C-alpha cells in the first residue's frame, strides 16, 4: 500500500471506509423501518411527480393514508416538480416542497415535511 493510502486509512480510522451519502441515507431508512411496526409485508412505492401528474400523485398518497392494515407497511418515495410553468396538474399543496422525500405511510399521514430525507 502506498503512503497516501496508509495516510487515508489513518485519517478515516484505521482502515474504515467512509460512507457515501447514498449509503448513509439507505442506512437511515433501514434503521427507521426497523423501528417501525414489524409487519409481514412492506410495499414500496416510487411516485415521480416531476410532471403534470403531481396533483394526482398527491391524491394517490392521501388515498394510501386512508388505510390502516395491520399486515402491511407502506413506504413511499415521492418526487415533486421543481419548475411548474403554470401547467395544469402541478400544485403548491402540502408545503410546496420541491425535493424527493420518503414517507412511512400510516393512517392520517399527509405528504408534508418533515419526513425522511
PDB file of N, CA and C in Angstrom:
ATOM      1  N   UNK A   1       0.847  -1.172   0.000  1.00  0.00           N
ATOM      2  CA  UNK A   1       0.000   0.000   0.000  1.00  0.00           C
ATOM      3  C   UNK A   1       0.895   1.238   0.000  1.00  0.00           C
ATOM      4  N   UNK A   2       0.476   2.250  -0.725  1.00  0.00           N
ATOM      5  CA  UNK A   2       1.260   3.483  -0.818  1.00  0.00           C
ATOM      6  C   UNK A   2       1.132   4.290   0.467  1.00  0.00           C
ATOM      7  N   UNK A   3       2.042   5.268   0.604  1.00  0.00           N
ATOM      8  CA  UNK A   3       1.972   6.151   1.773  1.00  0.00           C
ATOM      9  C   UNK A   3       0.651   6.921   1.802  1.00  0.00           C
ATOM     10  N   UNK A   4       0.224   7.337   0.640  1.00  0.00           N
ATOM     11  CA  UNK A   4      -1.034   8.081   0.555  1.00  0.00           C
ATOM     12  C   UNK A   4      -2.197   7.217   1.053  1.00  0.00           C
ATOM     13  N   UNK A   5      -2.206   5.950   0.664  1.00  0.00           N
ATOM     14  CA  UNK A   5      -3.256   5.033   1.103  1.00  0.00           C
ATOM     15  C   UNK A   5      -3.226   4.815   2.603  1.00  0.00           C
ATOM     16  N   UNK A   6      -2.008   4.674   3.177  1.00  0.00           N
ATOM     17  CA  UNK A   6      -1.905   4.496   4.629  1.00  0.00           C
ATOM     18  C   UNK A   6      -2.356   5.749   5.370  1.00  0.00           C
ATOM     19  N   UNK A   7      -1.989   6.928   4.839  1.00  0.00           N
ATOM     20  CA  UNK A   7      -2.438   8.170   5.471  1.00  0.00           C
ATOM     21  C   UNK A   7      -3.965   8.264   5.439  1.00  0.00           C
ATOM     22  N   UNK A   8      -4.558   7.886   4.330  1.00  0.00           N
ATOM     23  CA  UNK A   8      -6.017   7.927   4.199  1.00  0.00           C
ATOM     24  C   UNK A   8      -6.658   6.986   5.211  1.00  0.00           C
ATOM     25  N   UNK A   9      -6.056   5.806   5.408  1.00  0.00           N
ATOM     26  CA  UNK A   9      -6.596   4.865   6.389  1.00  0.00           C
ATOM     27  C   UNK A   9      -6.552   5.452   7.788  1.00  0.00           C
ATOM     28  N   UNK A  10      -5.442   6.077   8.135  1.00  0.00           N
ATOM     29  CA  UNK A  10      -5.334   6.670   9.466  1.00  0.00           C
ATOM     30  C   UNK A  10      -6.360   7.782   9.647  1.00  0.00           C
ATOM     31  N   UNK A  11      -6.491   8.619   8.635  1.00  0.00           N
ATOM     32  CA  UNK A  11      -7.429   9.730   8.709  1.00  0.00           C
ATOM     33  C   UNK A  11      -8.863   9.215   8.879  1.00  0.00           C
ATOM     34  N   UNK A  12      -9.177   8.108   8.267  1.00  0.00           N
ATOM     35  CA  UNK A  12     -10.524   7.544   8.332  1.00  0.00           C
ATOM     36  C   UNK A  12     -10.721   6.601   9.506  1.00  0.00           C
ATOM     37  N   UNK A  13      -9.696   6.358  10.280  1.00  0.00           N
ATOM     38  CA  UNK A  13      -9.855   5.496  11.449  1.00  0.00           C
ATOM     39  C   UNK A  13      -9.419   4.078  11.205  1.00  0.00           C
ATOM     40  N   UNK A  14      -8.132   3.856  10.970  1.00  0.00           N
ATOM     41  CA  UNK A  14      -7.550   2.517  10.835  1.00  0.00           C
ATOM     42  C   UNK A  14      -8.276   1.637   9.829  1.00  0.00           C
ATOM     43  N   UNK A  15      -8.368   2.112   8.634  1.00  0.00           N
ATOM     44  CA  UNK A  15      -8.880   1.271   7.568  1.00  0.00           C
ATOM     45  C   UNK A  15     -10.382   1.305   7.376  1.00  0.00           C
ATOM     46  N   UNK A  16     -11.092   2.059   8.201  1.00  0.00           N
ATOM     47  CA  UNK A  16     -12.541   2.149   7.991  1.00  0.00           C
ATOM     48  C   UNK A  16     -12.803   2.938   6.726  1.00  0.00           C
ATOM     49  N   UNK A  17     -13.757   2.480   5.963  1.00  0.00           N
ATOM     50  CA  UNK A  17     -14.110   3.192   4.742  1.00  0.00           C
ATOM     51  C   UNK A  17     -15.140   4.264   5.066  1.00  0.00           C
ATOM     52  N   UNK A  18     -15.016   5.398   4.376  1.00  0.00           N
ATOM     53  CA  UNK A  18     -16.023   6.439   4.535  1.00  0.00           C
ATOM     54  C   UNK A  18     -17.304   5.982   3.874  1.00  0.00           C
ATOM     55  N   UNK A  19     -18.416   6.368   4.458  1.00  0.00           N
ATOM     56  CA  UNK A  19     -19.708   6.018   3.888  1.00  0.00           C
ATOM     57  C   UNK A  19     -20.123   7.117   2.922  1.00  0.00           C
ATOM     58  N   UNK A  20     -20.620   6.703   1.781  1.00  0.00           N
ATOM     59  CA  UNK A  20     -21.130   7.686   0.843  1.00  0.00           C
ATOM     60  C   UNK A  20     -22.453   8.214   1.364  1.00  0.00           C
ATOM     61  N   UNK A  21     -22.855   9.369   0.856  1.00  0.00           N
ATOM     62  CA  UNK A  21     -24.131   9.953   1.274  1.00  0.00           C
ATOM     63  C   UNK A  21     -25.279   8.998   0.967  1.00  0.00           C
ATOM     64  N   UNK A  22     -25.213   8.319  -0.184  1.00  0.00           N
ATOM     65  CA  UNK A  22     -26.270   7.387  -0.555  1.00  0.00           C
ATOM     66  C   UNK A  22     -26.392   6.235   0.420  1.00  0.00           C
ATOM     67  N   UNK A  23     -25.245   5.680   0.843  1.00  0.00           N
ATOM     68  CA  UNK A  23     -25.320   4.558   1.776  1.00  0.00           C
ATOM     69  C   UNK A  23     -25.781   5.022   3.154  1.00  0.00           C
ATOM     70  N   UNK A  24     -25.423   6.248   3.534  1.00  0.00           N
ATOM     71  CA  UNK A  24     -25.875   6.772   4.824  1.00  0.00           C
ATOM     72  C   UNK A  24     -27.391   6.955   4.825  1.00  0.00           C
ATOM     73  N   UNK A  25     -27.931   7.445   3.709  1.00  0.00           N
ATOM     74  CA  UNK A  25     -29.384   7.622   3.597  1.00  0.00           C
ATOM     75  C   UNK A  25     -30.079   6.274   3.639  1.00  0.00           C
ATOM     76  N   UNK A  26     -29.522   5.297   2.923  1.00  0.00           N
ATOM     77  CA  UNK A  26     -30.112   3.954   2.915  1.00  0.00           C
ATOM     78  C   UNK A  26     -30.089   3.347   4.320  1.00  0.00           C
ATOM     79  N   UNK A  27     -28.991   3.535   5.052  1.00  0.00           N
ATOM     80  CA  UNK A  27     -28.908   3.005   6.414  1.00  0.00           C
ATOM     81  C   UNK A  27     -29.910   3.692   7.336  1.00  0.00           C
ATOM     82  N   UNK A  28     -30.108   5.002   7.161  1.00  0.00           N
ATOM     83  CA  UNK A  28     -31.077   5.722   7.985  1.00  0.00           C
ATOM     84  C   UNK A  28     -32.487   5.215   7.713  1.00  0.00           C
ATOM     85  N   UNK A  29     -32.799   4.975   6.435  1.00  0.00           N
ATOM     86  CA  UNK A  29     -34.115   4.440   6.084  1.00  0.00           C
ATOM     87  C   UNK A  29     -34.303   3.057   6.689  1.00  0.00           C
ATOM     88  N   UNK A  30     -33.283   2.232   6.576  1.00  0.00           N
ATOM     89  CA  UNK A  30     -33.368   0.878   7.125  1.00  0.00           C
ATOM     90  C   UNK A  30     -33.576   0.923   8.637  1.00  0.00           C
ATOM     91  N   UNK A  31     -32.857   1.808   9.323  1.00  0.00           N
ATOM     92  CA  UNK A  31     -32.993   1.913  10.774  1.00  0.00           C
ATOM     93  C   UNK A  31     -34.399   2.349  11.161  1.00  0.00           C
ATOM     94  N   UNK A  32     -34.967   3.301  10.416  1.00  0.00           N
ATOM     95  CA  UNK A  32     -36.319   3.756  10.727  1.00  0.00           C
ATOM     96  C   UNK A  32     -37.346   2.674  10.468  1.00  0.00           C
ATOM     97  N   UNK A  33     -37.130   1.894   9.411  1.00  0.00           N
ATOM     98  CA  UNK A  33     -38.056   0.802   9.134  1.00  0.00           C
ATOM     99  C   UNK A  33     -37.986  -0.258  10.222  1.00  0.00           C
ATOM    100  N   UNK A  34     -36.777  -0.502  10.739  1.00  0.00           N
ATOM    101  CA  UNK A  34     -36.635  -1.488  11.809  1.00  0.00           C
ATOM    102  C   UNK A  34     -37.339  -1.024  13.077  1.00  0.00           C
ATOM    103  N   UNK A  35     -37.357   0.294  13.287  1.00  0.00           N
ATOM    104  CA  UNK A  35     -38.036   0.826  14.462  1.00  0.00           C
ATOM    105  C   UNK A  35     -39.541   0.907  14.256  1.00  0.00           C
ATOM    106  N   UNK A  36     -39.973   0.851  13.008  1.00  0.00           N
ATOM    107  CA  UNK A  36     -41.404   0.897  12.702  1.00  0.00           C
ATOM    108  C   UNK A  36     -42.045  -0.417  13.132  1.00  0.00           C
ATOM    109  N   UNK A  37     -43.343  -0.426  13.081  1.00  0.00           N
ATOM    110  CA  UNK A  37     -44.060  -1.654  13.399  1.00  0.00           C
ATOM    111  C   UNK A  37     -43.602  -2.764  12.456  1.00  0.00           C
ATOM    112  N   UNK A  38     -43.212  -3.885  13.019  1.00  0.00           N
ATOM    113  CA  UNK A  38     -42.807  -5.025  12.203  1.00  0.00           C
ATOM    114  C   UNK A  38     -44.076  -5.687  11.671  1.00  0.00           C
ATOM    115  N   UNK A  39     -44.151  -5.774  10.346  1.00  0.00           N
ATOM    116  CA  UNK A  39     -45.328  -6.353   9.701  1.00  0.00           C
ATOM    117  C   UNK A  39     -44.858  -7.359   8.661  1.00  0.00           C
ATOM    118  N   UNK A  40     -45.698  -8.314   8.312  1.00  0.00           N
ATOM    119  CA  UNK A  40     -45.288  -9.350   7.357  1.00  0.00           C
ATOM    120  C   UNK A  40     -44.968  -8.822   5.962  1.00  0.00           C
ATOM    121  N   UNK A  41     -45.570  -7.697   5.569  1.00  0.00           N
ATOM    122  CA  UNK A  41     -45.371  -7.167   4.231  1.00  0.00           C
ATOM    123  C   UNK A  41     -44.943  -5.708   4.292  1.00  0.00           C
ATOM    124  N   UNK A  42     -44.082  -5.317   3.339  1.00  0.00           N
ATOM    125  CA  UNK A  42     -43.748  -3.913   3.115  1.00  0.00           C
ATOM    126  C   UNK A  42     -43.911  -3.643   1.632  1.00  0.00           C
ATOM    127  N   UNK A  43     -44.705  -2.640   1.325  1.00  0.00           N
ATOM    128  CA  UNK A  43     -44.910  -2.220  -0.064  1.00  0.00           C
ATOM    129  C   UNK A  43     -44.164  -0.906  -0.241  1.00  0.00           C
ATOM    130  N   UNK A  44     -43.285  -0.868  -1.227  1.00  0.00           N
ATOM    131  CA  UNK A  44     -42.524   0.351  -1.509  1.00  0.00           C
ATOM    132  C   UNK A  44     -43.018   0.927  -2.828  1.00  0.00           C
ATOM    133  N   UNK A  45     -43.370   2.212  -2.797  1.00  0.00           N
ATOM    134  CA  UNK A  45     -43.950   2.871  -3.956  1.00  0.00           C
ATOM    135  C   UNK A  45     -43.083   4.065  -4.332  1.00  0.00           C
ATOM    136  N   UNK A  46     -42.680   4.140  -5.609  1.00  0.00           N
ATOM    137  CA  UNK A  46     -41.953   5.310  -6.110  1.00  0.00           C
ATOM    138  C   UNK A  46     -42.925   6.134  -6.931  1.00  0.00           C
ATOM    139  N   UNK A  47     -43.092   7.385  -6.561  1.00  0.00           N
ATOM    140  CA  UNK A  47     -44.025   8.268  -7.253  1.00  0.00           C
ATOM    141  C   UNK A  47     -43.246   9.428  -7.849  1.00  0.00           C
ATOM    142  N   UNK A  48     -43.230   9.518  -9.176  1.00  0.00           N
ATOM    143  CA  UNK A  48     -42.487  10.566  -9.876  1.00  0.00           C
ATOM    144  C   UNK A  48     -43.452  11.669 -10.278  1.00  0.00           C
ATOM    145  N   UNK A  49     -43.435  12.761  -9.532  1.00  0.00           N
ATOM    146  CA  UNK A  49     -44.341  13.871  -9.792  1.00  0.00           C
ATOM    147  C   UNK A  49     -43.672  15.032 -10.496  1.00  0.00           C
ATOM    148  N   UNK A  50     -42.553  14.793 -11.164  1.00  0.00           N
ATOM    149  CA  UNK A  50     -41.877  15.850 -11.924  1.00  0.00           C
ATOM    150  C   UNK A  50     -42.567  16.050 -13.268  1.00  0.00           C
ATOM    151  N   UNK A  51     -43.867  16.164 -13.234  1.00  0.00           N
ATOM    152  CA  UNK A  51     -44.628  16.309 -14.467  1.00  0.00           C
ATOM    153  C   UNK A  51     -46.019  16.823 -14.108  1.00  0.00           C
ATOM    154  N   UNK A  52     -46.920  16.831 -15.067  1.00  0.00           N
ATOM    155  CA  UNK A  52     -48.246  17.376 -14.815  1.00  0.00           C
ATOM    156  C   UNK A  52     -49.156  16.420 -14.043  1.00  0.00           C
ATOM    157  N   UNK A  53     -48.613  15.325 -13.531  1.00  0.00           N
ATOM    158  CA  UNK A  53     -49.384  14.389 -12.706  1.00  0.00           C
ATOM    159  C   UNK A  53     -49.161  14.606 -11.210  1.00  0.00           C
ATOM    160  N   UNK A  54     -48.458  15.674 -10.863  1.00  0.00           N
ATOM    161  CA  UNK A  54     -48.114  15.926  -9.465  1.00  0.00           C
ATOM    162  C   UNK A  54     -49.353  15.963  -8.561  1.00  0.00           C
ATOM    163  N   UNK A  55     -50.384  16.666  -8.949  1.00  0.00           N
ATOM    164  CA  UNK A  55     -51.599  16.758  -8.124  1.00  0.00           C
ATOM    165  C   UNK A  55     -52.239  15.384  -7.953  1.00  0.00           C
ATOM    166  N   UNK A  56     -52.256  14.587  -9.019  1.00  0.00           N
ATOM    167  CA  UNK A  56     -52.835  13.235  -8.943  1.00  0.00           C
ATOM    168  C   UNK A  56     -52.017  12.342  -8.010  1.00  0.00           C
ATOM    169  N   UNK A  57     -50.687  12.479  -8.029  1.00  0.00           N
ATOM    170  CA  UNK A  57     -49.850  11.667  -7.150  1.00  0.00           C
ATOM    171  C   UNK A  57     -50.091  12.009  -5.687  1.00  0.00           C
ATOM    172  N   UNK A  58     -50.267  13.289  -5.389  1.00  0.00           N
ATOM    173  CA  UNK A  58     -50.558  13.680  -4.009  1.00  0.00           C
ATOM    174  C   UNK A  58     -51.907  13.115  -3.564  1.00  0.00           C
ATOM    175  N   UNK A  59     -52.864  13.089  -4.470  1.00  0.00           N
ATOM    176  CA  UNK A  59     -54.166  12.483  -4.156  1.00  0.00           C
ATOM    177  C   UNK A  59     -54.017  10.979  -3.915  1.00  0.00           C
ATOM    178  N   UNK A  60     -53.196  10.309  -4.732  1.00  0.00           N
ATOM    179  CA  UNK A  60     -52.941   8.877  -4.533  1.00  0.00           C
ATOM    180  C   UNK A  60     -52.312   8.631  -3.164  1.00  0.00           C
ATOM    181  N   UNK A  61     -51.380   9.491  -2.777  1.00  0.00           N
ATOM    182  CA  UNK A  61     -50.747   9.376  -1.462  1.00  0.00           C
ATOM    183  C   UNK A  61     -51.809   9.471  -0.362  1.00  0.00           C
ATOM    184  N   UNK A  62     -52.670  10.481  -0.458  1.00  0.00           N
ATOM    185  CA  UNK A  62     -53.708  10.661   0.561  1.00  0.00           C
ATOM    186  C   UNK A  62     -54.641   9.448   0.619  1.00  0.00           C
ATOM    187  N   UNK A  63     -54.914   8.821  -0.521  1.00  0.00           N
ATOM    188  CA  UNK A  63     -55.744   7.616  -0.535  1.00  0.00           C
ATOM    189  C   UNK A  63     -55.039   6.463   0.185  1.00  0.00           C
ATOM    190  N   UNK A  64     -53.732   6.321  -0.019  1.00  0.00           N
ATOM    191  CA  UNK A  64     -52.986   5.268   0.691  1.00  0.00           C
ATOM    192  C   UNK A  64     -53.043   5.492   2.198  1.00  0.00           C
ATOM    193  N   UNK A  65     -53.072   6.763   2.615  1.00  0.00           N
ATOM    194  CA  UNK A  65     -53.087   7.090   4.043  1.00  0.00           C
ATOM    195  C   UNK A  65     -54.465   6.910   4.682  1.00  0.00           C
ATOM    196  N   UNK A  66     -55.450   6.494   3.909  1.00  0.00           N
ATOM    197  CA  UNK A  66     -56.769   6.201   4.467  1.00  0.00           C
ATOM    198  C   UNK A  66     -56.837   4.799   5.063  1.00  0.00           C
ATOM    199  N   UNK A  67     -55.895   3.947   4.677  1.00  0.00           N
ATOM    200  CA  UNK A  67     -55.921   2.537   5.050  1.00  0.00           C
ATOM    201  C   UNK A  67     -55.043   2.295   6.275  1.00  0.00           C
ATOM    202  N   UNK A  68     -55.532   1.476   7.173  1.00  0.00           N
ATOM    203  CA  UNK A  68     -54.743   1.055   8.331  1.00  0.00           C
ATOM    204  C   UNK A  68     -54.724  -0.469   8.330  1.00  0.00           C
ATOM    205  N   UNK A  69     -53.751  -1.046   7.624  1.00  0.00           N
ATOM    206  CA  UNK A  69     -53.657  -2.503   7.511  1.00  0.00           C
ATOM    207  C   UNK A  69     -52.612  -3.018   8.504  1.00  0.00           C
ATOM    208  N   UNK A  70     -52.983  -3.888   9.421  1.00  0.00           N
ATOM    209  CA  UNK A  70     -52.032  -4.373  10.415  1.00  0.00           C
ATOM    210  C   UNK A  70     -50.952  -5.287   9.837  1.00  0.00           C
ATOM    211  N   UNK A  71     -51.089  -5.709   8.582  1.00  0.00           N
ATOM    212  CA  UNK A  71     -50.122  -6.629   7.977  1.00  0.00           C
ATOM    213  C   UNK A  71     -49.200  -5.978   6.959  1.00  0.00           C
ATOM    214  N   UNK A  72     -49.366  -4.668   6.698  1.00  0.00           N
ATOM    215  CA  UNK A  72     -48.611  -4.036   5.614  1.00  0.00           C
ATOM    216  C   UNK A  72     -48.042  -2.686   6.046  1.00  0.00           C
ATOM    217  N   UNK A  73     -46.727  -2.487   5.829  1.00  0.00           N
ATOM    218  CA  UNK A  73     -46.105  -1.169   5.890  1.00  0.00           C
ATOM    219  C   UNK A  73     -46.081  -0.626   4.470  1.00  0.00           C
ATOM    220  N   UNK A  74     -46.391   0.656   4.308  1.00  0.00           N
ATOM    221  CA  UNK A  74     -46.293   1.305   3.002  1.00  0.00           C
ATOM    222  C   UNK A  74     -45.223   2.384   3.101  1.00  0.00           C
ATOM    223  N   UNK A  75     -44.189   2.256   2.260  1.00  0.00           N
ATOM    224  CA  UNK A  75     -43.128   3.252   2.183  1.00  0.00           C
ATOM    225  C   UNK A  75     -43.229   3.908   0.816  1.00  0.00           C
ATOM    226  N   UNK A  76     -43.312   5.235   0.805  1.00  0.00           N
ATOM    227  CA  UNK A  76     -43.436   5.981  -0.447  1.00  0.00           C
ATOM    228  C   UNK A  76     -42.230   6.898  -0.612  1.00  0.00           C
ATOM    229  N   UNK A  77     -41.640   6.854  -1.788  1.00  0.00           N
ATOM    230  CA  UNK A  77     -40.642   7.853  -2.165  1.00  0.00           C
ATOM    231  C   UNK A  77     -41.308   8.715  -3.225  1.00  0.00           C
ATOM    232  N   UNK A  78     -41.478   9.978  -2.910  1.00  0.00           N
ATOM    233  CA  UNK A  78     -42.248  10.895  -3.753  1.00  0.00           C
ATOM    234  C   UNK A  78     -41.346  12.024  -4.231  1.00  0.00           C
ATOM    235  N   UNK A  79     -41.302  12.206  -5.531  1.00  0.00           N
ATOM    236  CA  UNK A  79     -40.501  13.252  -6.156  1.00  0.00           C
ATOM    237  C   UNK A  79     -41.451  14.274  -6.758  1.00  0.00           C
ATOM    238  N   UNK A  80     -41.271  15.532  -6.358  1.00  0.00           N
ATOM    239  CA  UNK A  80     -42.156  16.592  -6.853  1.00  0.00           C
ATOM    240  C   UNK A  80     -41.461  17.459  -7.882  1.00  0.00           C
ATOM    241  N   UNK A  81     -42.268  18.192  -8.618  1.00  0.00           N
ATOM    242  CA  UNK A  81     -41.755  19.066  -9.677  1.00  0.00           C
ATOM    243  C   UNK A  81     -41.049  20.281  -9.096  1.00  0.00           C
ATOM    244  N   UNK A  82     -39.979  20.691  -9.768  1.00  0.00           N
ATOM    245  CA  UNK A  82     -39.238  21.890  -9.370  1.00  0.00           C
ATOM    246  C   UNK A  82     -39.788  23.102 -10.117  1.00  0.00           C
ATOM    247  N   UNK A  83     -39.930  22.997 -11.423  1.00  0.00           N
ATOM    248  CA  UNK A  83     -40.439  24.097 -12.248  1.00  0.00           C
ATOM    249  C   UNK A  83     -41.856  23.790 -12.682  1.00  0.00           C
ATOM    250  N   UNK A  84     -42.764  24.693 -12.382  1.00  0.00           N
ATOM    251  CA  UNK A  84     -44.168  24.409 -12.644  1.00  0.00           C
ATOM    252  C   UNK A  84     -44.688  25.080 -13.915  1.00  0.00           C
ATOM    253  N   UNK A  85     -44.213  26.233 -14.261  1.00  0.00           N
ATOM    254  CA  UNK A  85     -44.551  26.913 -15.517  1.00  0.00           C
ATOM    255  C   UNK A  85     -46.053  27.022 -15.789  1.00  0.00           C
ATOM    256  N   UNK A  86     -46.874  27.147 -14.750  1.00  0.00           N
ATOM    257  CA  UNK A  86     -48.324  27.325 -14.885  1.00  0.00           C
ATOM    258  C   UNK A  86     -48.991  26.268 -15.761  1.00  0.00           C
ATOM    259  N   UNK A  87     -48.555  25.041 -15.646  1.00  0.00           N
ATOM    260  CA  UNK A  87     -49.135  23.937 -16.404  1.00  0.00           C
ATOM    261  C   UNK A  87     -50.173  23.242 -15.532  1.00  0.00           C
ATOM    262  N   UNK A  88     -51.356  22.939 -16.068  1.00  0.00           N
ATOM    263  CA  UNK A  88     -52.356  22.220 -15.265  1.00  0.00           C
ATOM    264  C   UNK A  88     -51.800  20.890 -14.760  1.00  0.00           C
ATOM    265  N   UNK A  89     -52.136  20.560 -13.525  1.00  0.00           N
ATOM    266  CA  UNK A  89     -51.675  19.307 -12.935  1.00  0.00           C
ATOM    267  C   UNK A  89     -50.618  19.526 -11.876  1.00  0.00           C
ATOM    268  N   UNK A  90     -49.931  20.659 -11.924  1.00  0.00           N
ATOM    269  CA  UNK A  90     -48.969  20.991 -10.878  1.00  0.00           C
ATOM    270  C   UNK A  90     -49.719  21.618  -9.719  1.00  0.00           C
ATOM    271  N   UNK A  91     -49.166  21.505  -8.526  1.00  0.00           N
ATOM    272  CA  UNK A  91     -49.840  22.056  -7.355  1.00  0.00           C
ATOM    273  C   UNK A  91     -48.816  22.541  -6.330  1.00  0.00           C
ATOM    274  N   UNK A  92     -49.223  23.512  -5.546  1.00  0.00           N
ATOM    275  CA  UNK A  92     -48.383  24.027  -4.461  1.00  0.00           C
ATOM    276  C   UNK A  92     -48.855  23.473  -3.114  1.00  0.00           C
ATOM    277  N   UNK A  93     -49.682  22.452  -3.142  1.00  0.00           N
ATOM    278  CA  UNK A  93     -50.260  21.883  -1.916  1.00  0.00           C
ATOM    279  C   UNK A  93     -49.209  21.217  -1.035  1.00  0.00           C
ATOM    280  N   UNK A  94     -49.530  21.081   0.214  1.00  0.00           N
ATOM    281  CA  UNK A  94     -48.722  20.357   1.207  1.00  0.00           C
ATOM    282  C   UNK A  94     -47.332  20.955   1.391  1.00  0.00           C
ATOM    283  N   UNK A  95     -47.250  22.263   1.446  1.00  0.00           N
ATOM    284  CA  UNK A  95     -45.982  22.909   1.737  1.00  0.00           C
ATOM    285  C   UNK A  95     -45.147  23.219   0.515  1.00  0.00           C
ATOM    286  N   UNK A  96     -45.565  22.818  -0.652  1.00  0.00           N
ATOM    287  CA  UNK A  96     -44.882  23.120  -1.908  1.00  0.00           C
ATOM    288  C   UNK A  96     -43.394  22.766  -1.879  1.00  0.00           C
ATOM    289  N   UNK A  97     -43.025  21.661  -1.236  1.00  0.00           N
ATOM    290  CA  UNK A  97     -41.623  21.231  -1.244  1.00  0.00           C
ATOM    291  C   UNK A  97     -41.289  20.696  -2.625  1.00  0.00           C
ATOM    292  N   UNK A  98     -40.014  20.828  -3.009  1.00  0.00           N
ATOM    293  CA  UNK A  98     -39.609  20.542  -4.384  1.00  0.00           C
ATOM    294  C   UNK A  98     -38.519  19.480  -4.471  1.00  0.00           C
ATOM    295  N   UNK A  99     -38.396  18.644  -3.475  1.00  0.00           N
ATOM    296  CA  UNK A  99     -37.343  17.632  -3.449  1.00  0.00           C
ATOM    297  C   UNK A  99     -37.971  16.243  -3.450  1.00  0.00           C
ATOM    298  N   UNK A 100     -37.127  15.242  -3.361  1.00  0.00           N
ATOM    299  CA  UNK A 100     -37.589  13.870  -3.196  1.00  0.00           C
ATOM    300  C   UNK A 100     -37.608  13.560  -1.707  1.00  0.00           C
ATOM    301  N   UNK A 101     -38.709  13.001  -1.230  1.00  0.00           N
ATOM    302  CA  UNK A 101     -38.829  12.666   0.186  1.00  0.00           C
ATOM    303  C   UNK A 101     -39.400  11.267   0.337  1.00  0.00           C
ATOM    304  N   UNK A 102     -39.089  10.645   1.477  1.00  0.00           N
ATOM    305  CA  UNK A 102     -39.610   9.310   1.791  1.00  0.00           C
ATOM    306  C   UNK A 102     -40.570   9.413   2.961  1.00  0.00           C
ATOM    307  N   UNK A 103     -41.608   8.603   2.892  1.00  0.00           N
ATOM    308  CA  UNK A 103     -42.645   8.613   3.909  1.00  0.00           C
ATOM    309  C   UNK A 103     -42.983   7.188   4.317  1.00  0.00           C
ATOM    310  N   UNK A 104     -43.155   6.973   5.613  1.00  0.00           N
ATOM    311  CA  UNK A 104     -43.767   5.742   6.104  1.00  0.00           C
ATOM    312  C   UNK A 104     -45.243   6.090   6.260  1.00  0.00           C
ATOM    313  N   UNK A 105     -46.054   5.581   5.348  1.00  0.00           N
ATOM    314  CA  UNK A 105     -47.461   5.976   5.277  1.00  0.00           C
ATOM    315  C   UNK A 105     -48.264   5.204   6.315  1.00  0.00           C
ATOM    316  N   UNK A 106     -48.860   5.962   7.192  1.00  0.00           N
ATOM    317  CA  UNK A 106     -49.775   5.403   8.187  1.00  0.00           C
ATOM    318  C   UNK A 106     -51.094   6.152   8.061  1.00  0.00           C
ATOM    319  N   UNK A 107     -52.116   5.633   8.669  1.00  0.00           N
ATOM    320  CA  UNK A 107     -53.432   6.260   8.574  1.00  0.00           C
ATOM    321  C   UNK A 107     -53.350   7.718   9.036  1.00  0.00           C
ATOM    322  N   UNK A 108     -53.825   8.607   8.167  1.00  0.00           N
ATOM    323  CA  UNK A 108     -53.868  10.029   8.501  1.00  0.00           C
ATOM    324  C   UNK A 108     -52.630  10.827   8.147  1.00  0.00           C
ATOM    325  N   UNK A 109     -51.541  10.187   7.719  1.00  0.00           N
ATOM    326  CA  UNK A 109     -50.311  10.904   7.371  1.00  0.00           C
ATOM    327  C   UNK A 109     -50.539  11.710   6.099  1.00  0.00           C
ATOM    328  N   UNK A 110     -50.009  12.918   6.076  1.00  0.00           N
ATOM    329  CA  UNK A 110     -50.091  13.768   4.888  1.00  0.00           C
ATOM    330  C   UNK A 110     -48.706  13.884   4.249  1.00  0.00           C
ATOM    331  N   UNK A 111     -48.651  14.122   2.936  1.00  0.00           N
ATOM    332  CA  UNK A 111     -47.351  14.229   2.258  1.00  0.00           C
ATOM    333  C   UNK A 111     -46.704  15.588   2.504  1.00  0.00           C
ATOM    334  N   UNK A 112     -46.295  15.825   3.750  1.00  0.00           N
ATOM    335  CA  UNK A 112     -45.725  17.099   4.141  1.00  0.00           C
ATOM    336  C   UNK A 112     -44.440  16.885   4.918  1.00  0.00           C
ATOM    337  N   UNK A 113     -43.464  17.776   4.752  1.00  0.00           N
ATOM    338  CA  UNK A 113     -42.254  17.697   5.568  1.00  0.00           C
ATOM    339  C   UNK A 113     -42.609  18.019   7.016  1.00  0.00           C
ATOM    340  N   UNK A 114     -41.830  17.665   8.003  1.00  0.00           N
ATOM    341  CA  UNK A 114     -40.595  16.895   7.858  1.00  0.00           C
ATOM    342  C   UNK A 114     -40.883  15.401   7.826  1.00  0.00           C
ATOM    343  N   UNK A 115     -40.235  14.722   6.940  1.00  0.00           N
ATOM    344  CA  UNK A 115     -40.280  13.275   6.848  1.00  0.00           C
ATOM    345  C   UNK A 115     -38.851  12.804   6.591  1.00  0.00           C
ATOM    346  N   UNK A 116     -38.690  11.614   6.111  1.00  0.00           N
ATOM    347  CA  UNK A 116     -37.359  11.111   5.809  1.00  0.00           C
ATOM    348  C   UNK A 116     -36.805  11.872   4.638  1.00  0.00           C
ATOM    349  N   UNK A 117     -35.534  12.181   4.666  1.00  0.00           N
ATOM    350  CA  UNK A 117     -34.896  12.901   3.557  1.00  0.00           C
ATOM    351  C   UNK A 117     -33.941  12.006   2.834  1.00  0.00           C
TER     352      UNK A 117
END
